Amino acid sequence: MPLWLAGVLIRRHRLQVERDQHERAEARDREAVAQERLRVARDLHDVVAHHVSAVAVQAGAARMAPDPDGRAEALAHIADSVGGSRKRCPS
């Protein structure tokens, strides 16, 4: 009887150790996914900020253009950059 009890206790301990290892592995995986999402969000933020800055510069150039053709050209650049963003970033 004592050997049987020892076997049961060892088995329970092994199962608990396996569960703990599995839970730690899942936690590491969740952390890795969260870190990757954060990296992607930062990269996306940088890209969007760059595009918005470019549009602001183009809009300023359009406002300061002395002739209507210059304004139209600057506004066309804005329209092209916004249209290109829409094509690259599906809804």
N, C-alpha and C. Protein backbone atom coordinates (compact mmCIF):
# COMPACT_ATOMS: atom_id res chain seq x y z
N MET A 1 0.80 -1.21 0.00
CA MET A 1 0.00 0.00 0.00
C MET A 1 0.84 1.27 0.00
N PRO A 2 1.93 1.37 0.79
CA PRO A 2 2.73 2.59 0.76
C PRO A 2 3.35 2.85 -0.61
N LEU A 3 3.73 1.78 -1.36
CA LEU A 3 4.29 1.99 -2.69
C LEU A 3 3.24 2.53 -3.65
N TRP A 4 2.03 2.04 -3.54
CA TRP A 4 0.95 2.53 -4.38
C TRP A 4 0.70 4.01 -4.09
N LEU A 5 0.67 4.39 -2.83
CA LEU A 5 0.45 5.79 -2.44
C LEU A 5 1.60 6.66 -2.95
N ALA A 6 2.80 6.18 -2.83
CA ALA A 6 3.95 6.93 -3.34
C ALA A 6 3.83 7.13 -4.85
N GLY A 7 3.41 6.09 -5.55
CA GLY A 7 3.22 6.19 -7.01
C GLY A 7 2.17 7.21 -7.37
N VAL A 8 1.06 7.21 -6.63
CA VAL A 8 -0.02 8.18 -6.90
C VAL A 8 0.48 9.60 -6.66
N LEU A 9 1.20 9.82 -5.57
CA LEU A 9 1.72 11.15 -5.25
C LEU A 9 2.73 11.63 -6.29
N ILE A 10 3.59 10.71 -6.75
CA ILE A 10 4.57 11.07 -7.78
C ILE A 10 3.87 11.43 -9.08
N ARG A 11 2.87 10.64 -9.43
CA ARG A 11 2.11 10.93 -10.66
C ARG A 11 1.43 12.28 -10.57
N ARG A 12 0.79 12.58 -9.45
CA ARG A 12 0.14 13.89 -9.28
C ARG A 12 1.16 15.02 -9.40
N HIS A 13 2.31 14.82 -8.78
CA HIS A 13 3.35 15.84 -8.84
C HIS A 13 3.81 16.06 -10.29
N ARG A 14 4.04 14.97 -11.02
CA ARG A 14 4.46 15.09 -12.42
C ARG A 14 3.41 15.81 -13.26
N LEU A 15 2.13 15.46 -13.05
CA LEU A 15 1.06 16.12 -13.79
C LEU A 15 1.01 17.61 -13.47
N GLN A 16 1.20 17.97 -12.21
CA GLN A 16 1.20 19.38 -11.82
C GLN A 16 2.38 20.12 -12.45
N VAL A 17 3.54 19.48 -12.47
CA VAL A 17 4.72 20.09 -13.09
C VAL A 17 4.46 20.31 -14.58
N GLU A 18 3.86 19.32 -15.25
CA GLU A 18 3.55 19.46 -16.68
C GLU A 18 2.55 20.59 -16.91
N ARG A 19 1.52 20.68 -16.06
CA ARG A 19 0.55 21.77 -16.19
C ARG A 19 1.22 23.13 -16.01
N ASP A 20 2.09 23.23 -15.01
CA ASP A 20 2.79 24.49 -14.77
C ASP A 20 3.66 24.88 -15.96
N GLN A 21 4.37 23.90 -16.52
CA GLN A 21 5.22 24.17 -17.68
C GLN A 21 4.37 24.62 -18.87
N HIS A 22 3.24 23.97 -19.06
CA HIS A 22 2.35 24.33 -20.16
C HIS A 22 1.81 25.75 -19.97
N GLU A 23 1.42 26.09 -18.76
CA GLU A 23 0.91 27.43 -18.49
C GLU A 23 1.98 28.49 -18.71
N ARG A 24 3.21 28.19 -18.30
CA ARG A 24 4.31 29.15 -18.52
C ARG A 24 4.59 29.32 -20.01
N ALA A 25 4.53 28.23 -20.75
CA ALA A 25 4.75 28.31 -22.20
C ALA A 25 3.65 29.14 -22.86
N GLU A 26 2.42 28.94 -22.45
CA GLU A 26 1.32 29.74 -23.00
C GLU A 26 1.49 31.22 -22.65
N ALA A 27 1.91 31.50 -21.42
CA ALA A 27 2.13 32.89 -21.02
C ALA A 27 3.25 33.53 -21.86
N ARG A 28 4.32 32.78 -22.13
CA ARG A 28 5.40 33.29 -22.98
C ARG A 28 4.88 33.58 -24.39
N ASP A 29 4.04 32.67 -24.90
CA ASP A 29 3.48 32.87 -26.24
C ASP A 29 2.59 34.11 -26.28
N ARG A 30 1.75 34.28 -25.26
CA ARG A 30 0.89 35.47 -25.21
C ARG A 30 1.73 36.75 -25.14
N GLU A 31 2.79 36.71 -24.36
CA GLU A 31 3.68 37.88 -24.25
C GLU A 31 4.35 38.18 -25.58
N ALA A 32 4.78 37.14 -26.29
CA ALA A 32 5.42 37.34 -27.60
C ALA A 32 4.44 37.96 -28.59
N VAL A 33 3.20 37.49 -28.57
CA VAL A 33 2.18 38.05 -29.46
C VAL A 33 1.92 39.51 -29.11
N ALA A 34 1.82 39.81 -27.83
CA ALA A 34 1.58 41.19 -27.40
C ALA A 34 2.74 42.10 -27.81
N GLN A 35 3.97 41.63 -27.67
CA GLN A 35 5.13 42.42 -28.07
C GLN A 35 5.14 42.66 -29.59
N GLU A 36 4.78 41.66 -30.36
CA GLU A 36 4.74 41.82 -31.82
C GLU A 36 3.64 42.80 -32.22
N ARG A 37 2.49 42.73 -31.57
CA ARG A 37 1.42 43.68 -31.87
C ARG A 37 1.85 45.10 -31.54
N LEU A 38 2.55 45.26 -30.44
CA LEU A 38 3.05 46.58 -30.05
C LEU A 38 4.06 47.10 -31.09
N ARG A 39 4.94 46.23 -31.56
CA ARG A 39 5.91 46.64 -32.57
C ARG A 39 5.22 47.07 -33.86
N VAL A 40 4.22 46.29 -34.28
CA VAL A 40 3.48 46.62 -35.50
C VAL A 40 2.73 47.94 -35.32
N ALA A 41 2.13 48.14 -34.16
CA ALA A 41 1.40 49.39 -33.90
C ALA A 41 2.35 50.59 -33.95
N ARG A 42 3.54 50.44 -33.39
CA ARG A 42 4.52 51.54 -33.45
C ARG A 42 4.93 51.83 -34.88
N ASP A 43 5.19 50.77 -35.65
CA ASP A 43 5.58 50.97 -37.05
C ASP A 43 4.47 51.65 -37.83
N LEU A 44 3.24 51.20 -37.62
CA LEU A 44 2.10 51.80 -38.31
C LEU A 44 1.94 53.26 -37.92
N HIS A 45 2.12 53.56 -36.64
CA HIS A 45 2.03 54.94 -36.18
C HIS A 45 3.07 55.81 -36.88
N ASP A 46 4.29 55.29 -37.00
CA ASP A 46 5.35 56.05 -37.67
C ASP A 46 5.01 56.32 -39.13
N VAL A 47 4.49 55.31 -39.82
CA VAL A 47 4.14 55.47 -41.23
C VAL A 47 3.02 56.49 -41.40
N VAL A 48 1.99 56.38 -40.57
CA VAL A 48 0.86 57.31 -40.67
C VAL A 48 1.31 58.72 -40.35
N ALA A 49 2.12 58.88 -39.30
CA ALA A 49 2.62 60.21 -38.93
C ALA A 49 3.42 60.82 -40.07
N HIS A 50 4.24 60.01 -40.73
CA HIS A 50 5.02 60.50 -41.86
C HIS A 50 4.11 60.98 -42.98
N HIS A 51 3.10 60.20 -43.31
CA HIS A 51 2.18 60.58 -44.39
C HIS A 51 1.40 61.84 -44.04
N VAL A 52 0.96 61.94 -42.81
CA VAL A 52 0.21 63.14 -42.40
C VAL A 52 1.11 64.37 -42.48
N SER A 53 2.36 64.21 -42.08
CA SER A 53 3.30 65.33 -42.18
C SER A 53 3.51 65.74 -43.63
N ALA A 54 3.64 64.75 -44.50
CA ALA A 54 3.81 65.05 -45.92
C ALA A 54 2.60 65.77 -46.48
N VAL A 55 1.42 65.36 -46.10
CA VAL A 55 0.19 66.02 -46.56
C VAL A 55 0.15 67.45 -46.03
N ALA A 56 0.55 67.65 -44.78
CA ALA A 56 0.56 69.00 -44.22
C ALA A 56 1.53 69.90 -44.99
N VAL A 57 2.69 69.39 -45.34
CA VAL A 57 3.66 70.17 -46.11
C VAL A 57 3.09 70.50 -47.49
N GLN A 58 2.47 69.52 -48.12
CA GLN A 58 1.88 69.75 -49.44
C GLN A 58 0.74 70.77 -49.36
N ALA A 59 -0.05 70.70 -48.30
CA ALA A 59 -1.14 71.66 -48.14
C ALA A 59 -0.58 73.06 -47.92
N GLY A 60 0.48 73.17 -47.15
CA GLY A 60 1.11 74.47 -46.96
C GLY A 60 1.66 75.01 -48.26
N ALA A 61 2.25 74.13 -49.07
CA ALA A 61 2.75 74.56 -50.38
C ALA A 61 1.61 75.01 -51.27
N ALA A 62 0.50 74.33 -51.21
CA ALA A 62 -0.66 74.72 -52.03
C ALA A 62 -1.17 76.09 -51.61
N ARG A 63 -1.18 76.34 -50.31
CA ARG A 63 -1.66 77.63 -49.80
C ARG A 63 -0.73 78.76 -50.24
N MET A 64 0.57 78.48 -50.34
CA MET A 64 1.53 79.53 -50.65
C MET A 64 1.84 79.66 -52.14
N ALA A 65 1.31 78.77 -52.94
CA ALA A 65 1.58 78.81 -54.38
C ALA A 65 1.00 80.10 -54.97
N PRO A 66 1.81 80.83 -55.73
CA PRO A 66 1.35 82.12 -56.26
C PRO A 66 0.33 81.99 -57.40
N ASP A 67 0.36 80.90 -58.12
CA ASP A 67 -0.54 80.79 -59.26
C ASP A 67 -1.51 79.62 -59.07
N PRO A 68 -2.65 79.67 -59.70
CA PRO A 68 -3.64 78.60 -59.57
C PRO A 68 -3.12 77.24 -60.04
N ASP A 69 -2.25 77.25 -61.06
CA ASP A 69 -1.71 75.98 -61.55
C ASP A 69 -0.83 75.32 -60.47
N GLY A 70 -0.06 76.12 -59.76
CA GLY A 70 0.78 75.60 -58.68
C GLY A 70 -0.05 75.03 -57.55
N ARG A 71 -1.15 75.74 -57.21
CA ARG A 71 -2.05 75.23 -56.17
C ARG A 71 -2.69 73.92 -56.62
N ALA A 72 -3.11 73.88 -57.85
CA ALA A 72 -3.75 72.66 -58.37
C ALA A 72 -2.77 71.50 -58.35
N GLU A 73 -1.52 71.76 -58.69
CA GLU A 73 -0.52 70.70 -58.69
C GLU A 73 -0.27 70.18 -57.27
N ALA A 74 -0.15 71.10 -56.32
CA ALA A 74 0.08 70.68 -54.92
C ALA A 74 -1.12 69.89 -54.40
N LEU A 75 -2.32 70.35 -54.72
CA LEU A 75 -3.52 69.62 -54.28
C LEU A 75 -3.62 68.25 -54.96
N ALA A 76 -3.15 68.16 -56.19
CA ALA A 76 -3.14 66.87 -56.88
C ALA A 76 -2.17 65.90 -56.18
N HIS A 77 -1.03 66.42 -55.71
CA HIS A 77 -0.10 65.57 -54.96
C HIS A 77 -0.75 65.05 -53.68
N ILE A 78 -1.51 65.93 -53.03
CA ILE A 78 -2.22 65.50 -51.81
C ILE A 78 -3.21 64.40 -52.16
N ALA A 79 -3.98 64.62 -53.20
CA ALA A 79 -4.98 63.63 -53.61
C ALA A 79 -4.31 62.31 -53.98
N ASP A 80 -3.18 62.39 -54.67
CA ASP A 80 -2.47 61.16 -55.05
C ASP A 80 -1.96 60.41 -53.82
N SER A 81 -1.41 61.15 -52.86
CA SER A 81 -0.87 60.46 -51.68
C SER A 81 -1.98 59.84 -50.85
N VAL A 82 -3.11 60.52 -50.75
CA VAL A 82 -4.23 59.96 -50.00
C VAL A 82 -4.82 58.77 -50.76
N GLY A 83 -4.96 58.89 -52.07
CA GLY A 83 -5.48 57.80 -52.87
C GLY A 83 -4.57 56.59 -52.82
N GLY A 84 -3.26 56.81 -52.84
CA GLY A 84 -2.30 55.70 -52.72
C GLY A 84 -2.39 55.02 -51.39
N SER A 85 -2.62 55.79 -50.33
CA SER A 85 -2.77 55.19 -49.00
C SER A 85 -3.99 54.30 -48.93
N ARG A 86 -5.04 54.73 -49.57
CA ARG A 86 -6.27 53.92 -49.56
C ARG A 86 -6.05 52.58 -50.27
N LYS A 87 -5.29 52.62 -51.35
CA LYS A 87 -5.04 51.39 -52.09
C LYS A 87 -4.16 50.43 -51.29
N ARG A 88 -3.18 51.00 -50.52
CA ARG A 88 -2.26 50.16 -49.76
C ARG A 88 -2.88 49.64 -48.47
N CYS A 89 -3.86 50.36 -47.94
CA CYS A 89 -4.46 49.98 -46.65
C CYS A 89 -5.92 49.63 -46.85
N PRO A 90 -6.23 48.36 -47.11
CA PRO A 90 -7.63 47.99 -47.33
C PRO A 90 -8.45 48.17 -46.05
N SER A 91 -9.71 48.47 -46.26
CA SER A 91 -10.62 48.69 -45.11
C SER A 91 -10.94 47.42 -44.39
